[in-house]
C-alpha atoms as a PDB file:
ATOM      1  CA  UNK A   1     -26.747  13.500  -2.212  1.00  0.00           C
ATOM      2  CA  UNK A   2     -24.673  11.655   0.894  1.00  0.00           C
ATOM      3  CA  UNK A   3     -24.300   8.418  -1.291  1.00  0.00           C
ATOM      4  CA  UNK A   4     -22.845  10.338  -4.122  1.00  0.00           C
ATOM      5  CA  UNK A   5     -20.608  12.282  -1.467  1.00  0.00           C
ATOM      6  CA  UNK A   6     -19.430   9.230   0.119  1.00  0.00           C
ATOM      7  CA  UNK A   7     -18.735   7.406  -3.257  1.00  0.00           C
ATOM      8  CA  UNK A   8     -16.792  10.597  -4.475  1.00  0.00           C
ATOM      9  CA  UNK A   9     -14.699  10.600  -1.196  1.00  0.00           C
ATOM     10  CA  UNK A  10     -13.742   6.573  -1.303  1.00  0.00           C
ATOM     11  CA  UNK A  11     -12.625   7.416  -4.946  1.00  0.00           C
ATOM     12  CA  UNK A  12     -10.904   9.932  -4.159  1.00  0.00           C
ATOM     13  CA  UNK A  13      -8.900   8.048  -1.361  1.00  0.00           C
ATOM     14  CA  UNK A  14      -8.407   5.190  -3.544  1.00  0.00           C
ATOM     15  CA  UNK A  15      -6.959   7.128  -6.645  1.00  0.00           C
ATOM     16  CA  UNK A  16      -4.638   9.305  -3.538  1.00  0.00           C
ATOM     17  CA  UNK A  17      -3.193   6.198  -2.707  1.00  0.00           C
ATOM     18  CA  UNK A  18      -2.563   4.886  -6.095  1.00  0.00           C
ATOM     19  CA  UNK A  19      -0.813   8.007  -6.583  1.00  0.00           C
ATOM     20  CA  UNK A  20       0.963   8.256  -3.320  1.00  0.00           C
ATOM     21  CA  UNK A  21       2.333   4.641  -3.840  1.00  0.00           C
ATOM     22  CA  UNK A  22       3.792   6.364  -7.149  1.00  0.00           C
ATOM     23  CA  UNK A  23       5.898   9.019  -4.971  1.00  0.00           C
ATOM     24  CA  UNK A  24       3.813  12.149  -5.732  1.00  0.00           C
ATOM     25  CA  UNK A  25       3.045  14.447  -2.530  1.00  0.00           C
ATOM     26  CA  UNK A  26       1.689  18.084  -1.967  1.00  0.00           C
ATOM     27  CA  UNK A  27       0.105  19.714  -4.468  1.00  0.00           C
ATOM     28  CA  UNK A  28       1.418  17.393  -7.178  1.00  0.00           C
ATOM     29  CA  UNK A  29      -0.334  14.707  -5.919  1.00  0.00           C
ATOM     30  CA  UNK A  30      -3.753  16.360  -5.122  1.00  0.00           C
ATOM     31  CA  UNK A  31      -4.117  17.939  -8.964  1.00  0.00           C
ATOM     32  CA  UNK A  32      -3.143  14.626 -10.246  1.00  0.00           C
ATOM     33  CA  UNK A  33      -5.987  13.328  -8.008  1.00  0.00           C
ATOM     34  CA  UNK A  34      -8.275  15.827  -9.183  1.00  0.00           C
ATOM     35  CA  UNK A  35      -7.641  15.487 -12.665  1.00  0.00           C
ATOM     36  CA  UNK A  36      -7.858  12.081 -12.938  1.00  0.00           C
ATOM     37  CA  UNK A  37     -11.146  12.103 -11.084  1.00  0.00           C
ATOM     38  CA  UNK A  38     -12.410  14.745 -13.897  1.00  0.00           C
ATOM     39  CA  UNK A  39     -11.035  12.227 -16.554  1.00  0.00           C
ATOM     40  CA  UNK A  40     -12.301   9.597 -15.391  1.00  0.00           C
ATOM     41  CA  UNK A  41     -15.947  10.830 -14.753  1.00  0.00           C
ATOM     42  CA  UNK A  42     -16.371  12.887 -18.076  1.00  0.00           C
ATOM     43  CA  UNK A  43     -13.918  10.947 -20.267  1.00  0.00           C
ATOM     44  CA  UNK A  44     -16.733  10.078 -22.917  1.00  0.00           C
ATOM     45  CA  UNK A  45     -18.365  13.301 -22.872  1.00  0.00           C
ATOM     46  CA  UNK A  46     -14.531  14.480 -24.082  1.00  0.00           C
ATOM     47  CA  UNK A  47     -13.900  11.904 -27.158  1.00  0.00           C
ATOM     48  CA  UNK A  48     -17.096  12.663 -28.962  1.00  0.00           C
ATOM     49  CA  UNK A  49     -17.548  10.497 -31.321  1.00  0.00           C
ATOM     50  CA  UNK A  50     -14.053   9.386 -31.354  1.00  0.00           C
ATOM     51  CA  UNK A  51     -13.490   5.595 -32.622  1.00  0.00           C
ATOM     52  CA  UNK A  52     -13.002   3.348 -30.051  1.00  0.00           C
ATOM     53  CA  UNK A  53      -8.948   3.061 -31.549  1.00  0.00           C
ATOM     54  CA  UNK A  54      -8.640   6.899 -30.728  1.00  0.00           C
ATOM     55  CA  UNK A  55     -10.567   6.641 -27.420  1.00  0.00           C
ATOM     56  CA  UNK A  56      -7.596   4.003 -26.474  1.00  0.00           C
ATOM     57  CA  UNK A  57      -4.917   5.988 -27.725  1.00  0.00           C
ATOM     58  CA  UNK A  58      -6.334   9.427 -25.488  1.00  0.00           C
ATOM     59  CA  UNK A  59      -6.691   7.085 -22.450  1.00  0.00           C
ATOM     60  CA  UNK A  60      -2.966   5.786 -22.881  1.00  0.00           C
ATOM     61  CA  UNK A  61      -2.092   9.583 -23.641  1.00  0.00           C
ATOM     62  CA  UNK A  62      -4.193  10.451 -20.419  1.00  0.00           C
ATOM     63  CA  UNK A  63      -2.212   7.845 -18.073  1.00  0.00           C
ATOM     64  CA  UNK A  64       1.269   9.059 -19.413  1.00  0.00           C
ATOM     65  CA  UNK A  65       0.911  12.508 -18.878  1.00  0.00           C
ATOM     66  CA  UNK A  66      -0.738  11.905 -15.137  1.00  0.00           C
ATOM     67  CA  UNK A  67       2.059   8.964 -13.947  1.00  0.00           C
ATOM     68  CA  UNK A  68       5.137  11.064 -15.351  1.00  0.00           C
ATOM     69  CA  UNK A  69       7.292  13.040 -13.104  1.00  0.00           C
ATOM     70  CA  UNK A  70       9.052  16.476 -14.267  1.00  0.00           C
ATOM     71  CA  UNK A  71      12.370  15.333 -12.979  1.00  0.00           C
END
C-alpha cells in the first residue's frame, strides 16, 4: 500500500509539473491533474471494445480538452 501511495504521489507531482509549465494554476490546475490521472489509469476500461483507431481519436480529444485554456 505504501508503494502504491508513493507511485501515485510521484505521478501526481510529475503531471502537475507538466500542467504548471503549461501555465495552469489553482483549482484549474488541480482538476486537470486529477482528470488526467483518472483518464490515464482507467482509460482502457472507458474504451470498452473500441478499435485502436477510435482509442487514438479519444486520446487525442482528451489531450485537446485537458490542455486548452478557457481564454
